[in-house]
Amino acid sequence: MLREKGYRSVTIEGIAETAGVGKQTIYRWWPSKAAVIVEAFTRDTAVRVPAPDTGNLQRDLKIFLVKAFEILNRESGQIMRSLMSEALLDVQFAMTLREIFIDSRRHALRDILMRSIKRGEISPKVEIELMIDLIYGPMWYRLLNKHAPLDKAFAHHLSKTITVFLRQVP
């Protein structure tokens, strides 16, 4: 429904009808349309872009980014742009998007970085939250501005740049 209609056109009534349940059933499990949509999108993304564990930071980052870019270059990119746009217009939706989707994706990347610390690839002094911002920042920038591709080459360059930088942190 989200792909076909866009966020603003999806309704709880439509969700309930598609699911074959009453509206009250939807409200019993989710407090709002935003919560239903963001949770569904988050679950779908987590399945399609898991946090890999190959034993090598650069390889894990590259795999993670390649998969993320692949789905963002398909329908998920337009959906993500529409959700981000909605977040700019609706403070409550922005909070829901951040608490459910953004936190989930940050957690996946945090897992990759924490495993590399445990393996001794990078220093435990690395500011993990800053590194997550430095990885996601260019992705969101390219997604929103469409000035450059989100492709395998960019995934390779970004993962390599971050890895080289992280290995230099004392």
C-alpha atoms as a PDB file:
ATOM      1  CA  MET A   1       0.000   0.000   0.000  1.00  0.00           C
ATOM      2  CA  LEU A   2       2.821   2.338   0.873  1.00  0.00           C
ATOM      3  CA  ARG A   3       4.509   1.720  -2.490  1.00  0.00           C
ATOM      4  CA  GLU A   4       1.290   2.178  -4.420  1.00  0.00           C
ATOM      5  CA  LYS A   5      -0.306   5.089  -2.576  1.00  0.00           C
ATOM      6  CA  GLY A   6       2.364   6.853  -0.546  1.00  0.00           C
ATOM      7  CA  TYR A   7       2.290   7.481   3.191  1.00  0.00           C
ATOM      8  CA  ARG A   8      -0.368  10.194   3.223  1.00  0.00           C
ATOM      9  CA  SER A   9      -2.879   8.084   1.286  1.00  0.00           C
ATOM     10  CA  VAL A  10      -2.568   4.973   3.446  1.00  0.00           C
ATOM     11  CA  THR A  11      -5.287   4.744   6.092  1.00  0.00           C
ATOM     12  CA  ILE A  12      -5.930   2.509   9.081  1.00  0.00           C
ATOM     13  CA  GLU A  13      -9.159   1.476   7.332  1.00  0.00           C
ATOM     14  CA  GLY A  14      -7.152   0.411   4.269  1.00  0.00           C
ATOM     15  CA  ILE A  15      -4.620  -1.463   6.390  1.00  0.00           C
ATOM     16  CA  ALA A  16      -7.404  -3.267   8.257  1.00  0.00           C
ATOM     17  CA  GLU A  17      -9.220  -4.143   5.039  1.00  0.00           C
ATOM     18  CA  THR A  18      -6.058  -5.478   3.405  1.00  0.00           C
ATOM     19  CA  ALA A  19      -5.271  -7.525   6.530  1.00  0.00           C
ATOM     20  CA  GLY A  20      -8.840  -8.786   6.751  1.00  0.00           C
ATOM     21  CA  VAL A  21      -9.369  -7.491  10.281  1.00  0.00           C
ATOM     22  CA  GLY A  22     -11.271  -4.679  11.960  1.00  0.00           C
ATOM     23  CA  LYS A  23      -9.760  -1.268  12.705  1.00  0.00           C
ATOM     24  CA  GLN A  24      -9.863  -2.033  16.426  1.00  0.00           C
ATOM     25  CA  THR A  25      -7.539  -4.990  15.885  1.00  0.00           C
ATOM     26  CA  ILE A  26      -4.996  -2.673  14.289  1.00  0.00           C
ATOM     27  CA  TYR A  27      -5.337  -0.141  17.126  1.00  0.00           C
ATOM     28  CA  ARG A  28      -4.998  -2.926  19.695  1.00  0.00           C
ATOM     29  CA  TRP A  29      -1.466  -3.612  18.430  1.00  0.00           C
ATOM     30  CA  TRP A  30      -0.328  -0.188  17.153  1.00  0.00           C
ATOM     31  CA  PRO A  31      -1.184   3.282  18.448  1.00  0.00           C
ATOM     32  CA  SER A  32      -1.204   4.953  15.025  1.00  0.00           C
ATOM     33  CA  LYS A  33      -0.885   4.580  11.272  1.00  0.00           C
ATOM     34  CA  ALA A  34       2.704   5.812  11.572  1.00  0.00           C
ATOM     35  CA  ALA A  35       3.590   3.030  14.003  1.00  0.00           C
ATOM     36  CA  VAL A  36       2.126   0.323  11.728  1.00  0.00           C
ATOM     37  CA  ILE A  37       3.876   1.597   8.615  1.00  0.00           C
ATOM     38  CA  VAL A  38       7.233   2.325  10.209  1.00  0.00           C
ATOM     39  CA  GLU A  39       7.297  -1.031  12.009  1.00  0.00           C
ATOM     40  CA  ALA A  40       6.460  -2.910   8.799  1.00  0.00           C
ATOM     41  CA  PHE A  41       9.117  -0.989   6.850  1.00  0.00           C
ATOM     42  CA  THR A  42      11.650  -1.568   9.636  1.00  0.00           C
ATOM     43  CA  ARG A  43      11.029  -5.322   9.730  1.00  0.00           C
ATOM     44  CA  ASP A  44      11.264  -5.583   5.946  1.00  0.00           C
ATOM     45  CA  THR A  45      14.518  -3.619   5.901  1.00  0.00           C
ATOM     46  CA  ALA A  46      16.046  -5.654   8.741  1.00  0.00           C
ATOM     47  CA  VAL A  47      15.385  -8.866   6.814  1.00  0.00           C
ATOM     48  CA  ARG A  48      16.744  -7.477   3.544  1.00  0.00           C
ATOM     49  CA  VAL A  49      19.733  -5.645   5.087  1.00  0.00           C
ATOM     50  CA  PRO A  50      21.018  -7.630   8.073  1.00  0.00           C
ATOM     51  CA  ALA A  51      24.246  -6.805   9.894  1.00  0.00           C
ATOM     52  CA  PRO A  52      26.803  -9.215   8.379  1.00  0.00           C
ATOM     53  CA  ASP A  53      29.546 -10.840  10.423  1.00  0.00           C
ATOM     54  CA  THR A  54      32.366 -12.005   8.150  1.00  0.00           C
ATOM     55  CA  GLY A  55      35.089 -11.340  10.698  1.00  0.00           C
ATOM     56  CA  ASN A  56      36.370  -8.294   8.791  1.00  0.00           C
ATOM     57  CA  LEU A  57      35.159  -4.717   9.351  1.00  0.00           C
ATOM     58  CA  GLN A  58      35.641  -3.425   5.811  1.00  0.00           C
ATOM     59  CA  ARG A  59      33.941  -6.470   4.291  1.00  0.00           C
ATOM     60  CA  ASP A  60      31.027  -6.215   6.759  1.00  0.00           C
ATOM     61  CA  LEU A  61      30.551  -2.516   6.040  1.00  0.00           C
ATOM     62  CA  LYS A  62      30.711  -3.068   2.290  1.00  0.00           C
ATOM     63  CA  ILE A  63      28.173  -5.925   2.374  1.00  0.00           C
ATOM     64  CA  PHE A  64      25.871  -3.882   4.611  1.00  0.00           C
ATOM     65  CA  LEU A  65      26.087  -0.806   2.388  1.00  0.00           C
ATOM     66  CA  VAL A  66      25.752  -2.695  -0.901  1.00  0.00           C
ATOM     67  CA  LYS A  67      22.537  -4.333   0.339  1.00  0.00           C
ATOM     68  CA  ALA A  68      21.191  -1.039   1.685  1.00  0.00           C
ATOM     69  CA  PHE A  69      21.977   0.744  -1.580  1.00  0.00           C
ATOM     70  CA  GLU A  70      20.381  -2.041  -3.630  1.00  0.00           C
ATOM     71  CA  ILE A  71      17.027  -1.685  -1.895  1.00  0.00           C
ATOM     72  CA  LEU A  72      17.236   2.104  -1.842  1.00  0.00           C
ATOM     73  CA  ASN A  73      17.725   2.058  -5.600  1.00  0.00           C
ATOM     74  CA  ARG A  74      14.464   0.161  -5.926  1.00  0.00           C
ATOM     75  CA  GLU A  75      11.121   1.025  -4.337  1.00  0.00           C
ATOM     76  CA  SER A  76      12.529   1.513  -0.835  1.00  0.00           C
ATOM     77  CA  GLY A  77      14.349   4.685  -1.848  1.00  0.00           C
ATOM     78  CA  GLN A  78      11.152   6.454  -2.841  1.00  0.00           C
ATOM     79  CA  ILE A  79       9.417   5.154   0.274  1.00  0.00           C
ATOM     80  CA  MET A  80      12.288   6.350   2.460  1.00  0.00           C
ATOM     81  CA  ARG A  81      12.272   9.793   0.836  1.00  0.00           C
ATOM     82  CA  SER A  82       8.524  10.066   1.434  1.00  0.00           C
ATOM     83  CA  LEU A  83       8.889   8.986   5.074  1.00  0.00           C
ATOM     84  CA  MET A  84      11.676  11.490   5.632  1.00  0.00           C
ATOM     85  CA  SER A  85       9.574  14.191   3.994  1.00  0.00           C
ATOM     86  CA  GLU A  86       6.653  13.338   6.246  1.00  0.00           C
ATOM     87  CA  ALA A  87       8.981  13.517   9.255  1.00  0.00           C
ATOM     88  CA  LEU A  88       9.782  17.116   8.348  1.00  0.00           C
ATOM     89  CA  LEU A  89       6.082  17.982   8.412  1.00  0.00           C
ATOM     90  CA  ASP A  90       4.947  15.975  11.427  1.00  0.00           C
ATOM     91  CA  VAL A  91       6.914  16.042  14.683  1.00  0.00           C
ATOM     92  CA  GLN A  92       5.135  12.997  16.103  1.00  0.00           C
ATOM     93  CA  PHE A  93       5.817  10.991  12.949  1.00  0.00           C
ATOM     94  CA  ALA A  94       9.470  12.093  13.064  1.00  0.00           C
ATOM     95  CA  MET A  95       9.750  10.715  16.591  1.00  0.00           C
ATOM     96  CA  THR A  96       8.139   7.414  15.539  1.00  0.00           C
ATOM     97  CA  LEU A  97      10.443   7.117  12.513  1.00  0.00           C
ATOM     98  CA  ARG A  98      13.484   7.838  14.670  1.00  0.00           C
ATOM     99  CA  GLU A  99      12.513   5.518  17.536  1.00  0.00           C
ATOM    100  CA  ILE A 100      11.577   2.564  15.360  1.00  0.00           C
ATOM    101  CA  PHE A 101      13.338   2.695  11.985  1.00  0.00           C
ATOM    102  CA  ILE A 102      16.386   4.920  12.478  1.00  0.00           C
ATOM    103  CA  ASP A 103      17.276   3.360  15.848  1.00  0.00           C
ATOM    104  CA  SER A 104      16.978  -0.122  14.338  1.00  0.00           C
ATOM    105  CA  ARG A 105      19.312   0.703  11.458  1.00  0.00           C
ATOM    106  CA  ARG A 106      21.776   2.446  13.782  1.00  0.00           C
ATOM    107  CA  HIS A 107      21.715  -0.623  16.027  1.00  0.00           C
ATOM    108  CA  ALA A 108      22.640  -2.889  13.085  1.00  0.00           C
ATOM    109  CA  LEU A 109      25.605  -0.698  12.207  1.00  0.00           C
ATOM    110  CA  ARG A 110      26.582  -0.398  15.880  1.00  0.00           C
ATOM    111  CA  ASP A 111      26.722  -4.211  16.053  1.00  0.00           C
ATOM    112  CA  ILE A 112      29.157  -4.306  13.122  1.00  0.00           C
ATOM    113  CA  LEU A 113      31.408  -1.702  14.740  1.00  0.00           C
ATOM    114  CA  MET A 114      31.260  -3.275  18.205  1.00  0.00           C
ATOM    115  CA  ARG A 115      32.241  -6.677  16.801  1.00  0.00           C
ATOM    116  CA  SER A 116      35.261  -5.064  15.128  1.00  0.00           C
ATOM    117  CA  ILE A 117      36.289  -3.585  18.490  1.00  0.00           C
ATOM    118  CA  LYS A 118      35.972  -7.028  20.135  1.00  0.00           C
ATOM    119  CA  ARG A 119      38.138  -8.535  17.383  1.00  0.00           C
ATOM    120  CA  GLY A 120      40.764  -5.845  17.992  1.00  0.00           C
ATOM    121  CA  GLU A 121      40.429  -4.353  14.499  1.00  0.00           C
ATOM    122  CA  ILE A 122      39.679  -0.884  15.841  1.00  0.00           C
ATOM    123  CA  SER A 123      40.236   0.926  19.120  1.00  0.00           C
ATOM    124  CA  PRO A 124      37.638   0.805  21.879  1.00  0.00           C
ATOM    125  CA  LYS A 125      38.138   4.588  22.079  1.00  0.00           C
ATOM    126  CA  VAL A 126      36.319   5.052  18.758  1.00  0.00           C
ATOM    127  CA  GLU A 127      33.260   7.272  19.092  1.00  0.00           C
ATOM    128  CA  ILE A 128      30.756   4.750  17.754  1.00  0.00           C
ATOM    129  CA  GLU A 129      27.792   7.133  17.447  1.00  0.00           C
ATOM    130  CA  LEU A 130      29.882   9.605  15.463  1.00  0.00           C
ATOM    131  CA  MET A 131      31.080   6.825  13.156  1.00  0.00           C
ATOM    132  CA  ILE A 132      27.484   5.745  12.570  1.00  0.00           C
ATOM    133  CA  ASP A 133      26.639   9.334  11.607  1.00  0.00           C
ATOM    134  CA  LEU A 134      29.662   9.453   9.283  1.00  0.00           C
ATOM    135  CA  ILE A 135      28.512   6.290   7.524  1.00  0.00           C
ATOM    136  CA  TYR A 136      24.812   7.112   7.235  1.00  0.00           C
ATOM    137  CA  GLY A 137      25.307  10.802   6.441  1.00  0.00           C
ATOM    138  CA  PRO A 138      26.620  10.324   2.889  1.00  0.00           C
ATOM    139  CA  MET A 139      23.998   7.657   2.190  1.00  0.00           C
ATOM    140  CA  TRP A 140      21.080   9.887   3.193  1.00  0.00           C
ATOM    141  CA  TYR A 141      22.640  12.855   1.404  1.00  0.00           C
ATOM    142  CA  ARG A 142      22.865  10.941  -1.873  1.00  0.00           C
ATOM    143  CA  LEU A 143      19.423   9.421  -1.394  1.00  0.00           C
ATOM    144  CA  LEU A 144      17.774  12.800  -0.883  1.00  0.00           C
ATOM    145  CA  ASN A 145      19.754  14.877  -3.379  1.00  0.00           C
ATOM    146  CA  LYS A 146      20.228  12.260  -6.098  1.00  0.00           C
ATOM    147  CA  HIS A 147      23.403  14.079  -7.153  1.00  0.00           C
ATOM    148  CA  ALA A 148      25.506  10.901  -7.213  1.00  0.00           C
ATOM    149  CA  PRO A 149      24.741   7.190  -7.286  1.00  0.00           C
ATOM    150  CA  LEU A 150      24.263   4.834  -4.394  1.00  0.00           C
ATOM    151  CA  ASP A 151      26.094   1.925  -5.989  1.00  0.00           C
ATOM    152  CA  LYS A 152      28.662  -0.790  -5.294  1.00  0.00           C
ATOM    153  CA  ALA A 153      31.548   1.544  -6.107  1.00  0.00           C
ATOM    154  CA  PHE A 154      30.332   4.064  -3.539  1.00  0.00           C
ATOM    155  CA  ALA A 155      29.777   1.274  -0.985  1.00  0.00           C
ATOM    156  CA  HIS A 156      33.360   0.132  -1.565  1.00  0.00           C
ATOM    157  CA  HIS A 157      34.838   3.645  -1.272  1.00  0.00           C
ATOM    158  CA  LEU A 158      32.804   4.530   1.794  1.00  0.00           C
ATOM    159  CA  SER A 159      33.567   1.256   3.614  1.00  0.00           C
ATOM    160  CA  LYS A 160      37.267   1.561   2.771  1.00  0.00           C
ATOM    161  CA  THR A 161      37.484   5.210   3.839  1.00  0.00           C
ATOM    162  CA  ILE A 162      35.743   4.546   7.159  1.00  0.00           C
ATOM    163  CA  THR A 163      37.868   1.450   7.845  1.00  0.00           C
ATOM    164  CA  VAL A 164      41.140   3.253   7.104  1.00  0.00           C
ATOM    165  CA  PHE A 165      40.076   6.130   9.331  1.00  0.00           C
ATOM    166  CA  LEU A 166      38.983   3.852  12.180  1.00  0.00           C
ATOM    167  CA  ARG A 167      42.239   1.907  12.124  1.00  0.00           C
ATOM    168  CA  GLN A 168      44.134   5.148  12.687  1.00  0.00           C
ATOM    169  CA  VAL A 169      42.272   6.021  15.895  1.00  0.00           C
ATOM    170  CA  PRO A 170      44.669   5.316  18.779  1.00  0.00           C
END
